[in-house]
Amino acid sequence: MNKDNKVEDWDENYSETQPDAVDDHSEGNDGGENTNEVEVDDLSVEEGLREDLVKEKDKFLRLFAEFENYKKRTSKERMDLFKTAGQDVIVSLLPILDDFDRAMKELAQSEDDAHFKGVELIKIKFQEILKSKGLLEINVKQGDPFDAEVHDAITQIPAPEKKLKGKIVDVIEKGFRLGDKIIRHPKVVVGN
């Protein structure tokens, strides 16, 4: 009899809940549409977040690359600064070096050998100090081809010989480099 009571109870419960079940089913459709809308909204939100993530990653990579370039550029600028740190001082000392050359020419013509040797020793010491700081003389001599990148032509004269046409006829002032940079171009006379 327990089985019969259970069957009857089930029948009663089923018949009572049947209309509700139909109503629940119709509501379930509405709920299903809401679920689909929620899923679609979740997908669109997720896609939006993924796009934002991709954009942010791209921004990060660009900023990182820009920062690396900045570090390299500032490092190079710092190295260049160290190489040419005393450039202004060295440029201001170049006229003194020119004066030593003029003094050596004058003393070579005199008979005072002691003065010549004394000035020569001072000049050599001065040149060695400047050389240790990176100063190099640009070697230019008569007959060298004229290079506008390196030489500074102060005048042109008719070439004394055909072979000097377009070439350096005379050097008026020496030129110098500090490291790889030309700090004073040699002043030359060019034959035409």
N, C-alpha and C. Protein backbone atom coordinates (compact mmCIF):
# COMPACT_ATOMS: atom_id res chain seq x y z
N MET A 1 0.81 -1.17 0.00
CA MET A 1 0.00 0.00 0.00
C MET A 1 0.86 1.25 0.00
N ASN A 2 1.96 1.14 0.48
CA ASN A 2 2.87 2.27 0.44
C ASN A 2 3.17 2.66 -1.00
N LYS A 3 3.25 1.67 -1.86
CA LYS A 3 3.51 1.98 -3.25
C LYS A 3 2.33 2.68 -3.86
N ASP A 4 1.12 2.26 -3.53
CA ASP A 4 -0.07 2.90 -4.08
C ASP A 4 -0.17 4.33 -3.59
N ASN A 5 0.13 4.55 -2.34
CA ASN A 5 0.07 5.92 -1.81
C ASN A 5 1.10 6.81 -2.51
N LYS A 6 2.22 6.26 -2.77
CA LYS A 6 3.26 7.04 -3.45
C LYS A 6 2.83 7.38 -4.86
N VAL A 7 2.20 6.45 -5.55
CA VAL A 7 1.74 6.69 -6.92
C VAL A 7 0.65 7.74 -6.90
N GLU A 8 -0.28 7.63 -5.97
CA GLU A 8 -1.35 8.62 -5.88
C GLU A 8 -0.78 9.99 -5.54
N ASP A 9 0.12 10.03 -4.61
CA ASP A 9 0.74 11.31 -4.25
C ASP A 9 1.47 11.91 -5.46
N TRP A 10 2.07 11.05 -6.22
CA TRP A 10 2.80 11.54 -7.40
C TRP A 10 1.83 12.07 -8.43
N ASP A 11 0.72 11.35 -8.65
CA ASP A 11 -0.29 11.79 -9.60
C ASP A 11 -0.86 13.13 -9.19
N GLU A 12 -1.15 13.27 -7.91
CA GLU A 12 -1.70 14.54 -7.44
C GLU A 12 -0.68 15.67 -7.61
N ASN A 13 0.51 15.38 -7.24
CA ASN A 13 1.56 16.40 -7.37
C ASN A 13 1.79 16.74 -8.84
N TYR A 14 1.72 15.76 -9.71
CA TYR A 14 1.97 16.00 -11.12
C TYR A 14 0.87 16.83 -11.73
N SER A 15 -0.38 16.47 -11.40
CA SER A 15 -1.50 17.23 -11.96
C SER A 15 -1.53 18.65 -11.41
N GLU A 16 -1.15 18.83 -10.18
CA GLU A 16 -1.13 20.18 -9.61
C GLU A 16 0.00 21.02 -10.22
N THR A 17 1.07 20.39 -10.50
CA THR A 17 2.21 21.14 -11.01
C THR A 17 2.23 21.22 -12.52
N GLN A 18 1.37 20.51 -13.19
CA GLN A 18 1.38 20.51 -14.65
C GLN A 18 1.18 21.89 -15.25
N PRO A 19 0.12 22.62 -14.86
CA PRO A 19 -0.02 23.95 -15.44
C PRO A 19 1.17 24.85 -15.10
N ASP A 20 1.66 24.69 -13.90
CA ASP A 20 2.82 25.48 -13.52
C ASP A 20 4.02 25.11 -14.37
N ALA A 21 4.12 23.83 -14.67
CA ALA A 21 5.24 23.38 -15.48
C ALA A 21 5.17 24.01 -16.86
N VAL A 22 3.94 24.12 -17.41
CA VAL A 22 3.78 24.75 -18.72
C VAL A 22 4.16 26.21 -18.62
N ASP A 23 3.68 26.86 -17.54
CA ASP A 23 4.03 28.26 -17.35
C ASP A 23 5.54 28.42 -17.18
N ASP A 24 6.11 27.50 -16.41
CA ASP A 24 7.56 27.57 -16.23
C ASP A 24 8.29 27.39 -17.55
N HIS A 25 7.72 26.54 -18.40
CA HIS A 25 8.36 26.28 -19.68
C HIS A 25 8.32 27.53 -20.56
N SER A 26 7.15 28.19 -20.54
CA SER A 26 7.06 29.42 -21.33
C SER A 26 7.98 30.49 -20.74
N GLU A 27 8.03 30.55 -19.43
CA GLU A 27 8.96 31.48 -18.80
C GLU A 27 10.39 31.04 -19.06
N GLY A 28 10.58 29.75 -19.16
CA GLY A 28 11.92 29.22 -19.44
C GLY A 28 12.40 29.70 -20.79
N ASN A 29 11.49 29.83 -21.76
CA ASN A 29 11.89 30.34 -23.06
C ASN A 29 12.37 31.78 -22.93
N ASP A 30 11.58 32.56 -22.17
CA ASP A 30 12.01 33.93 -21.96
C ASP A 30 13.34 33.95 -21.21
N GLY A 31 13.45 33.09 -20.23
CA GLY A 31 14.69 33.00 -19.47
C GLY A 31 15.82 32.53 -20.37
N GLY A 32 15.53 31.65 -21.31
CA GLY A 32 16.55 31.17 -22.24
C GLY A 32 17.02 32.28 -23.15
N GLU A 33 16.07 33.12 -23.59
CA GLU A 33 16.47 34.25 -24.42
C GLU A 33 17.34 35.20 -23.62
N ASN A 34 16.95 35.41 -22.37
CA ASN A 34 17.77 36.26 -21.51
C ASN A 34 19.15 35.65 -21.32
N THR A 35 19.17 34.33 -21.18
CA THR A 35 20.44 33.65 -21.01
C THR A 35 21.28 33.83 -22.27
N ASN A 36 20.64 33.71 -23.44
CA ASN A 36 21.38 33.91 -24.69
C ASN A 36 21.87 35.35 -24.80
N GLU A 37 21.01 36.30 -24.39
CA GLU A 37 21.43 37.70 -24.43
C GLU A 37 22.59 37.94 -23.48
N VAL A 38 22.50 37.32 -22.30
CA VAL A 38 23.57 37.47 -21.33
C VAL A 38 24.85 36.85 -21.88
N GLU A 39 24.70 35.67 -22.53
CA GLU A 39 25.88 35.03 -23.11
C GLU A 39 26.46 35.89 -24.23
N VAL A 40 25.60 36.46 -25.08
CA VAL A 40 26.06 37.33 -26.16
C VAL A 40 26.73 38.57 -25.57
N ASP A 41 26.10 39.15 -24.53
CA ASP A 41 26.70 40.30 -23.87
C ASP A 41 28.05 39.93 -23.26
N ASP A 42 28.10 38.75 -22.62
CA ASP A 42 29.35 38.29 -22.03
C ASP A 42 30.41 38.13 -23.11
N LEU A 43 30.01 37.56 -24.27
CA LEU A 43 30.96 37.38 -25.36
C LEU A 43 31.45 38.72 -25.90
N SER A 44 30.53 39.67 -26.08
CA SER A 44 30.95 40.96 -26.61
C SER A 44 31.83 41.70 -25.60
N VAL A 45 31.52 41.57 -24.33
CA VAL A 45 32.36 42.18 -23.30
C VAL A 45 33.73 41.51 -23.30
N GLU A 46 33.74 40.19 -23.42
CA GLU A 46 34.99 39.45 -23.44
C GLU A 46 35.82 39.83 -24.67
N GLU A 47 35.16 39.95 -25.83
CA GLU A 47 35.87 40.35 -27.05
C GLU A 47 36.42 41.77 -26.90
N GLY A 48 35.63 42.64 -26.31
CA GLY A 48 36.08 44.01 -26.07
C GLY A 48 37.29 44.05 -25.15
N LEU A 49 37.23 43.22 -24.11
CA LEU A 49 38.37 43.15 -23.19
C LEU A 49 39.61 42.60 -23.88
N ARG A 50 39.41 41.60 -24.74
CA ARG A 50 40.56 41.06 -25.48
C ARG A 50 41.16 42.11 -26.41
N GLU A 51 40.30 42.87 -27.09
CA GLU A 51 40.80 43.94 -27.96
C GLU A 51 41.56 44.98 -27.15
N ASP A 52 41.00 45.33 -25.99
CA ASP A 52 41.68 46.29 -25.12
C ASP A 52 43.03 45.74 -24.66
N LEU A 53 43.06 44.45 -24.35
CA LEU A 53 44.30 43.82 -23.92
C LEU A 53 45.34 43.87 -25.04
N VAL A 54 44.91 43.57 -26.26
CA VAL A 54 45.83 43.62 -27.40
C VAL A 54 46.36 45.05 -27.59
N LYS A 55 45.46 46.04 -27.48
CA LYS A 55 45.88 47.44 -27.63
C LYS A 55 46.88 47.82 -26.55
N GLU A 56 46.60 47.41 -25.32
CA GLU A 56 47.49 47.76 -24.22
C GLU A 56 48.84 47.07 -24.36
N LYS A 57 48.82 45.81 -24.82
CA LYS A 57 50.09 45.11 -25.05
C LYS A 57 50.89 45.84 -26.12
N ASP A 58 50.21 46.28 -27.19
CA ASP A 58 50.88 47.00 -28.27
C ASP A 58 51.47 48.31 -27.75
N LYS A 59 50.70 49.04 -26.93
CA LYS A 59 51.20 50.28 -26.34
C LYS A 59 52.43 50.00 -25.48
N PHE A 60 52.35 48.93 -24.69
CA PHE A 60 53.46 48.57 -23.82
C PHE A 60 54.71 48.27 -24.64
N LEU A 61 54.55 47.47 -25.70
CA LEU A 61 55.70 47.11 -26.52
C LEU A 61 56.30 48.34 -27.20
N ARG A 62 55.44 49.24 -27.67
CA ARG A 62 55.93 50.46 -28.31
C ARG A 62 56.68 51.34 -27.30
N LEU A 63 56.11 51.49 -26.12
CA LEU A 63 56.77 52.29 -25.10
C LEU A 63 58.09 51.66 -24.67
N PHE A 64 58.11 50.35 -24.57
CA PHE A 64 59.33 49.65 -24.19
C PHE A 64 60.41 49.87 -25.26
N ALA A 65 60.03 49.72 -26.53
CA ALA A 65 60.98 49.94 -27.63
C ALA A 65 61.46 51.39 -27.65
N GLU A 66 60.55 52.32 -27.42
CA GLU A 66 60.92 53.73 -27.40
C GLU A 66 61.89 54.01 -26.25
N PHE A 67 61.64 53.39 -25.11
CA PHE A 67 62.53 53.58 -23.97
C PHE A 67 63.91 52.99 -24.24
N GLU A 68 63.96 51.83 -24.89
CA GLU A 68 65.25 51.23 -25.24
C GLU A 68 66.01 52.13 -26.20
N ASN A 69 65.31 52.70 -27.18
CA ASN A 69 65.96 53.63 -28.11
C ASN A 69 66.46 54.86 -27.37
N TYR A 70 65.68 55.34 -26.42
CA TYR A 70 66.09 56.50 -25.61
C TYR A 70 67.37 56.18 -24.84
N LYS A 71 67.42 54.99 -24.23
CA LYS A 71 68.61 54.61 -23.47
C LYS A 71 69.84 54.55 -24.38
N LYS A 72 69.68 53.95 -25.57
CA LYS A 72 70.80 53.86 -26.50
C LYS A 72 71.25 55.25 -26.95
N ARG A 73 70.27 56.12 -27.26
CA ARG A 73 70.60 57.46 -27.74
C ARG A 73 71.32 58.26 -26.66
N THR A 74 70.83 58.21 -25.43
CA THR A 74 71.47 58.98 -24.36
C THR A 74 72.85 58.41 -24.03
N SER A 75 72.99 57.10 -24.13
CA SER A 75 74.29 56.49 -23.89
C SER A 75 75.29 56.95 -24.95
N LYS A 76 74.85 56.98 -26.20
CA LYS A 76 75.73 57.44 -27.29
C LYS A 76 76.07 58.92 -27.10
N GLU A 77 75.08 59.72 -26.75
CA GLU A 77 75.33 61.15 -26.52
C GLU A 77 76.30 61.35 -25.37
N ARG A 78 76.17 60.54 -24.34
CA ARG A 78 77.07 60.65 -23.19
C ARG A 78 78.50 60.29 -23.59
N MET A 79 78.64 59.23 -24.41
CA MET A 79 79.97 58.84 -24.87
C MET A 79 80.57 59.94 -25.75
N ASP A 80 79.75 60.52 -26.63
CA ASP A 80 80.24 61.62 -27.47
C ASP A 80 80.64 62.81 -26.62
N LEU A 81 79.89 63.06 -25.56
CA LEU A 81 80.21 64.17 -24.67
C LEU A 81 81.55 63.94 -23.98
N PHE A 82 81.80 62.71 -23.55
CA PHE A 82 83.08 62.41 -22.91
C PHE A 82 84.23 62.56 -23.90
N LYS A 83 83.99 62.14 -25.15
CA LYS A 83 85.04 62.23 -26.16
C LYS A 83 85.42 63.68 -26.44
N THR A 84 84.43 64.53 -26.46
CA THR A 84 84.68 65.93 -26.83
C THR A 84 84.42 66.89 -25.66
N ALA A 85 84.58 66.39 -24.45
CA ALA A 85 84.27 67.21 -23.27
C ALA A 85 85.11 68.48 -23.22
N GLY A 86 86.37 68.37 -23.56
CA GLY A 86 87.24 69.54 -23.50
C GLY A 86 87.41 70.24 -24.83
N GLN A 87 86.47 70.03 -25.75
CA GLN A 87 86.60 70.57 -27.10
C GLN A 87 86.79 72.09 -27.09
N ASP A 88 85.99 72.80 -26.33
CA ASP A 88 86.10 74.27 -26.29
C ASP A 88 87.47 74.70 -25.80
N VAL A 89 87.97 74.04 -24.78
CA VAL A 89 89.28 74.39 -24.23
C VAL A 89 90.37 74.10 -25.27
N ILE A 90 90.27 72.95 -25.91
CA ILE A 90 91.29 72.58 -26.90
C ILE A 90 91.25 73.53 -28.09
N VAL A 91 90.05 73.89 -28.55
CA VAL A 91 89.93 74.83 -29.66
C VAL A 91 90.56 76.17 -29.29
N SER A 92 90.39 76.59 -28.05
CA SER A 92 90.98 77.87 -27.63
C SER A 92 92.51 77.78 -27.52
N LEU A 93 93.06 76.57 -27.40
CA LEU A 93 94.52 76.40 -27.33
C LEU A 93 95.17 76.28 -28.71
N LEU A 94 94.40 76.07 -29.75
CA LEU A 94 94.97 75.90 -31.09
C LEU A 94 95.76 77.12 -31.57
N PRO A 95 95.31 78.35 -31.31
CA PRO A 95 96.14 79.50 -31.72
C PRO A 95 97.52 79.51 -31.05
N ILE A 96 97.60 78.99 -29.84
CA ILE A 96 98.90 78.91 -29.15
C ILE A 96 99.80 77.92 -29.88
N LEU A 97 99.21 76.82 -30.33
CA LEU A 97 99.98 75.84 -31.11
C LEU A 97 100.48 76.47 -32.41
N ASP A 98 99.63 77.29 -33.03
CA ASP A 98 100.06 78.01 -34.25
C ASP A 98 101.21 78.97 -33.93
N ASP A 99 101.12 79.64 -32.79
CA ASP A 99 102.19 80.56 -32.39
C ASP A 99 103.51 79.81 -32.18
N PHE A 100 103.44 78.62 -31.62
CA PHE A 100 104.65 77.81 -31.47
C PHE A 100 105.26 77.50 -32.83
N ASP A 101 104.44 77.17 -33.82
CA ASP A 101 104.96 76.89 -35.16
C ASP A 101 105.65 78.12 -35.75
N ARG A 102 105.03 79.30 -35.60
CA ARG A 102 105.64 80.53 -36.10
C ARG A 102 106.95 80.84 -35.36
N ALA A 103 106.95 80.61 -34.06
CA ALA A 103 108.17 80.85 -33.27
C ALA A 103 109.28 79.89 -33.71
N MET A 104 108.92 78.67 -33.99
CA MET A 104 109.93 77.69 -34.43
C MET A 104 110.53 78.11 -35.78
N LYS A 105 109.71 78.63 -36.68
CA LYS A 105 110.24 79.09 -37.98
C LYS A 105 111.20 80.26 -37.80
N GLU A 106 110.85 81.20 -36.94
CA GLU A 106 111.71 82.36 -36.70
C GLU A 106 113.01 81.95 -36.01
N LEU A 107 112.89 81.06 -35.01
CA LEU A 107 114.09 80.64 -34.28
C LEU A 107 115.00 79.77 -35.15
N ALA A 108 114.44 79.09 -36.13
CA ALA A 108 115.26 78.27 -37.03
C ALA A 108 116.17 79.16 -37.87
N GLN A 109 115.74 80.39 -38.14
CA GLN A 109 116.55 81.31 -38.94
C GLN A 109 117.64 81.99 -38.11
N SER A 110 117.44 82.03 -36.81
CA SER A 110 118.46 82.68 -35.96
C SER A 110 119.57 81.69 -35.63
N GLU A 111 120.63 82.23 -35.06
CA GLU A 111 121.78 81.39 -34.71
C GLU A 111 121.71 80.91 -33.26
N ASP A 112 120.65 81.29 -32.54
CA ASP A 112 120.53 80.94 -31.13
C ASP A 112 119.95 79.53 -31.00
N ASP A 113 120.81 78.56 -30.93
CA ASP A 113 120.40 77.15 -30.90
C ASP A 113 119.75 76.77 -29.56
N ALA A 114 120.16 77.40 -28.47
CA ALA A 114 119.62 77.07 -27.15
C ALA A 114 118.15 77.47 -27.05
N HIS A 115 117.81 78.66 -27.56
CA HIS A 115 116.41 79.08 -27.55
C HIS A 115 115.55 78.17 -28.42
N PHE A 116 116.10 77.82 -29.57
CA PHE A 116 115.37 76.94 -30.49
C PHE A 116 115.03 75.61 -29.80
N LYS A 117 116.03 75.00 -29.17
CA LYS A 117 115.80 73.71 -28.50
C LYS A 117 114.82 73.84 -27.33
N GLY A 118 114.92 74.94 -26.58
CA GLY A 118 114.02 75.16 -25.45
C GLY A 118 112.57 75.30 -25.91
N VAL A 119 112.34 76.11 -26.94
CA VAL A 119 110.98 76.30 -27.47
C VAL A 119 110.48 75.00 -28.09
N GLU A 120 111.38 74.29 -28.75
CA GLU A 120 111.00 73.01 -29.37
C GLU A 120 110.54 72.00 -28.32
N LEU A 121 111.23 71.93 -27.19
CA LEU A 121 110.84 71.02 -26.11
C LEU A 121 109.46 71.37 -25.55
N ILE A 122 109.22 72.68 -25.37
CA ILE A 122 107.92 73.13 -24.85
C ILE A 122 106.82 72.78 -25.86
N LYS A 123 107.09 73.03 -27.13
CA LYS A 123 106.10 72.73 -28.18
C LYS A 123 105.78 71.23 -28.21
N ILE A 124 106.80 70.40 -28.16
CA ILE A 124 106.59 68.95 -28.21
C ILE A 124 105.78 68.49 -27.00
N LYS A 125 106.10 69.01 -25.83
CA LYS A 125 105.35 68.64 -24.62
C LYS A 125 103.89 69.08 -24.74
N PHE A 126 103.67 70.29 -25.24
CA PHE A 126 102.32 70.82 -25.43
C PHE A 126 101.54 69.95 -26.44
N GLN A 127 102.19 69.59 -27.53
CA GLN A 127 101.55 68.74 -28.55
C GLN A 127 101.20 67.36 -27.98
N GLU A 128 102.07 66.80 -27.17
CA GLU A 128 101.82 65.48 -26.58
C GLU A 128 100.62 65.52 -25.62
N ILE A 129 100.51 66.60 -24.87
CA ILE A 129 99.36 66.73 -23.97
C ILE A 129 98.07 66.80 -24.77
N LEU A 130 98.06 67.62 -25.82
CA LEU A 130 96.87 67.73 -26.66
C LEU A 130 96.56 66.41 -27.37
N LYS A 131 97.60 65.72 -27.79
CA LYS A 131 97.42 64.42 -28.45
C LYS A 131 96.82 63.41 -27.49
N SER A 132 97.23 63.46 -26.22
CA SER A 132 96.67 62.53 -25.23
C SER A 132 95.19 62.79 -24.97
N LYS A 133 94.75 64.01 -25.28
CA LYS A 133 93.33 64.36 -25.12
C LYS A 133 92.52 64.06 -26.38
N GLY A 134 93.19 63.50 -27.41
CA GLY A 134 92.48 63.08 -28.62
C GLY A 134 92.65 64.00 -29.80
N LEU A 135 93.50 65.02 -29.70
CA LEU A 135 93.71 65.96 -30.80
C LEU A 135 94.67 65.37 -31.82
N LEU A 136 94.25 65.38 -33.07
CA LEU A 136 95.09 64.88 -34.16
C LEU A 136 95.17 65.94 -35.25
N GLU A 137 96.37 66.13 -35.79
CA GLU A 137 96.54 67.08 -36.88
C GLU A 137 96.09 66.43 -38.19
N ILE A 138 95.40 67.21 -39.02
CA ILE A 138 95.00 66.73 -40.35
C ILE A 138 96.17 67.03 -41.28
N ASN A 139 96.77 65.98 -41.79
CA ASN A 139 97.94 66.14 -42.66
C ASN A 139 97.51 66.60 -44.04
N VAL A 140 97.99 67.78 -44.42
CA VAL A 140 97.69 68.36 -45.73
C VAL A 140 99.00 68.92 -46.27
N LYS A 141 99.26 68.63 -47.54
CA LYS A 141 100.46 69.18 -48.15
C LYS A 141 100.17 69.63 -49.58
N GLN A 142 101.08 70.37 -50.14
CA GLN A 142 100.92 70.87 -51.50
C GLN A 142 100.79 69.70 -52.47
N GLY A 143 99.83 69.81 -53.36
CA GLY A 143 99.60 68.76 -54.36
C GLY A 143 98.50 67.79 -53.98
N ASP A 144 98.03 67.83 -52.74
CA ASP A 144 96.91 66.96 -52.33
C ASP A 144 95.64 67.42 -53.04
N PRO A 145 94.76 66.48 -53.38
CA PRO A 145 93.49 66.89 -53.99
C PRO A 145 92.63 67.66 -52.98
N PHE A 146 91.91 68.66 -53.47
CA PHE A 146 91.05 69.46 -52.60
C PHE A 146 89.78 68.67 -52.28
N ASP A 147 89.43 68.61 -51.00
CA ASP A 147 88.21 67.94 -50.54
C ASP A 147 87.40 68.95 -49.73
N ALA A 148 86.26 69.36 -50.26
CA ALA A 148 85.45 70.39 -49.60
C ALA A 148 84.93 69.93 -48.24
N GLU A 149 84.84 68.62 -48.02
CA GLU A 149 84.38 68.10 -46.73
C GLU A 149 85.43 68.31 -45.64
N VAL A 150 86.69 68.33 -46.04
CA VAL A 150 87.78 68.41 -45.07
C VAL A 150 88.45 69.78 -45.08
N HIS A 151 88.71 70.31 -46.28
CA HIS A 151 89.49 71.54 -46.41
C HIS A 151 88.59 72.76 -46.50
N ASP A 152 89.16 73.89 -46.09
CA ASP A 152 88.48 75.19 -46.20
C ASP A 152 89.30 76.04 -47.16
N ALA A 153 88.78 76.22 -48.39
CA ALA A 153 89.50 76.99 -49.40
C ALA A 153 89.27 78.47 -49.14
N ILE A 154 90.35 79.19 -48.83
CA ILE A 154 90.19 80.62 -48.57
C ILE A 154 90.33 81.44 -49.85
N THR A 155 91.02 80.90 -50.84
CA THR A 155 91.15 81.58 -52.12
C THR A 155 91.57 80.59 -53.20
N GLN A 156 91.37 81.03 -54.45
CA GLN A 156 91.84 80.25 -55.60
C GLN A 156 92.80 81.13 -56.39
N ILE A 157 93.88 80.53 -56.84
CA ILE A 157 94.84 81.27 -57.66
C ILE A 157 95.11 80.45 -58.91
N PRO A 158 95.63 81.10 -59.94
CA PRO A 158 96.01 80.31 -61.12
C PRO A 158 97.09 79.30 -60.71
N ALA A 159 96.90 78.07 -61.14
CA ALA A 159 97.84 77.01 -60.76
C ALA A 159 99.21 77.28 -61.37
N PRO A 160 100.28 77.24 -60.54
CA PRO A 160 101.62 77.47 -61.07
C PRO A 160 102.04 76.37 -62.06
N GLU A 161 101.49 75.20 -61.89
CA GLU A 161 101.78 74.07 -62.79
C GLU A 161 100.47 73.41 -63.14
N LYS A 162 100.42 72.73 -64.27
CA LYS A 162 99.18 72.06 -64.70
C LYS A 162 98.76 70.99 -63.70
N LYS A 163 99.73 70.29 -63.12
CA LYS A 163 99.39 69.19 -62.20
C LYS A 163 98.76 69.70 -60.90
N LEU A 164 98.87 71.00 -60.58
CA LEU A 164 98.27 71.56 -59.37
C LEU A 164 96.87 72.13 -59.60
N LYS A 165 96.35 71.99 -60.80
CA LYS A 165 95.02 72.51 -61.10
C LYS A 165 93.98 71.68 -60.33
N GLY A 166 93.16 72.37 -59.50
CA GLY A 166 92.16 71.70 -58.67
C GLY A 166 92.75 71.05 -57.43
N LYS A 167 94.02 71.32 -57.19
CA LYS A 167 94.69 70.73 -56.02
C LYS A 167 95.16 71.84 -55.09
N ILE A 168 95.64 71.43 -53.93
CA ILE A 168 96.09 72.38 -52.92
C ILE A 168 97.46 72.94 -53.33
N VAL A 169 97.53 74.27 -53.37
CA VAL A 169 98.77 74.95 -53.73
C VAL A 169 99.55 75.33 -52.47
N ASP A 170 98.83 75.75 -51.42
CA ASP A 170 99.49 76.18 -50.19
C ASP A 170 98.56 75.93 -49.00
N VAL A 171 99.16 75.67 -47.84
CA VAL A 171 98.40 75.49 -46.60
C VAL A 171 98.65 76.73 -45.74
N ILE A 172 97.57 77.47 -45.44
CA ILE A 172 97.68 78.70 -44.66
C ILE A 172 97.60 78.40 -43.17
N GLU A 173 96.69 77.50 -42.77
CA GLU A 173 96.50 77.17 -41.36
C GLU A 173 96.21 75.68 -41.25
N LYS A 174 96.84 75.04 -40.27
CA LYS A 174 96.65 73.60 -40.07
C LYS A 174 95.23 73.31 -39.59
N GLY A 175 94.78 72.10 -39.88
CA GLY A 175 93.49 71.64 -39.40
C GLY A 175 93.67 70.55 -38.36
N PHE A 176 92.65 70.37 -37.51
CA PHE A 176 92.74 69.38 -36.44
C PHE A 176 91.43 68.63 -36.26
N ARG A 177 91.57 67.41 -35.80
CA ARG A 177 90.44 66.55 -35.42
C ARG A 177 90.51 66.29 -33.92
N LEU A 178 89.35 66.19 -33.33
CA LEU A 178 89.26 65.75 -31.94
C LEU A 178 88.43 64.48 -31.98
N GLY A 179 89.11 63.35 -31.87
CA GLY A 179 88.43 62.07 -32.09
C GLY A 179 88.13 61.94 -33.57
N ASP A 180 86.87 61.73 -33.91
CA ASP A 180 86.46 61.63 -35.31
C ASP A 180 85.94 62.95 -35.86
N LYS A 181 85.80 63.93 -35.03
CA LYS A 181 85.18 65.20 -35.42
C LYS A 181 86.25 66.24 -35.78
N ILE A 182 86.04 66.89 -36.92
CA ILE A 182 86.95 67.97 -37.31
C ILE A 182 86.56 69.22 -36.52
N ILE A 183 87.53 69.72 -35.73
CA ILE A 183 87.24 70.92 -34.93
C ILE A 183 87.79 72.18 -35.59
N ARG A 184 88.74 72.00 -36.50
CA ARG A 184 89.21 73.14 -37.31
C ARG A 184 89.66 72.60 -38.66
N HIS A 185 89.01 73.10 -39.70
CA HIS A 185 89.36 72.68 -41.06
C HIS A 185 90.66 73.36 -41.48
N PRO A 186 91.52 72.64 -42.19
CA PRO A 186 92.73 73.30 -42.68
C PRO A 186 92.38 74.35 -43.73
N LYS A 187 92.96 75.53 -43.59
CA LYS A 187 92.72 76.62 -44.55
C LYS A 187 93.78 76.50 -45.65
N VAL A 188 93.29 76.39 -46.89
CA VAL A 188 94.19 76.13 -48.01
C VAL A 188 93.92 77.07 -49.17
N VAL A 189 94.92 77.17 -50.05
CA VAL A 189 94.80 77.89 -51.31
C VAL A 189 94.73 76.83 -52.40
N VAL A 190 93.76 76.98 -53.29
CA VAL A 190 93.53 75.98 -54.34
C VAL A 190 93.90 76.57 -55.69
N GLY A 191 94.55 75.76 -56.52
CA GLY A 191 94.89 76.19 -57.88
C GLY A 191 93.75 75.93 -58.84
N ASN A 192 93.53 76.89 -59.77
CA ASN A 192 92.47 76.66 -60.77
C ASN A 192 93.00 76.83 -62.17
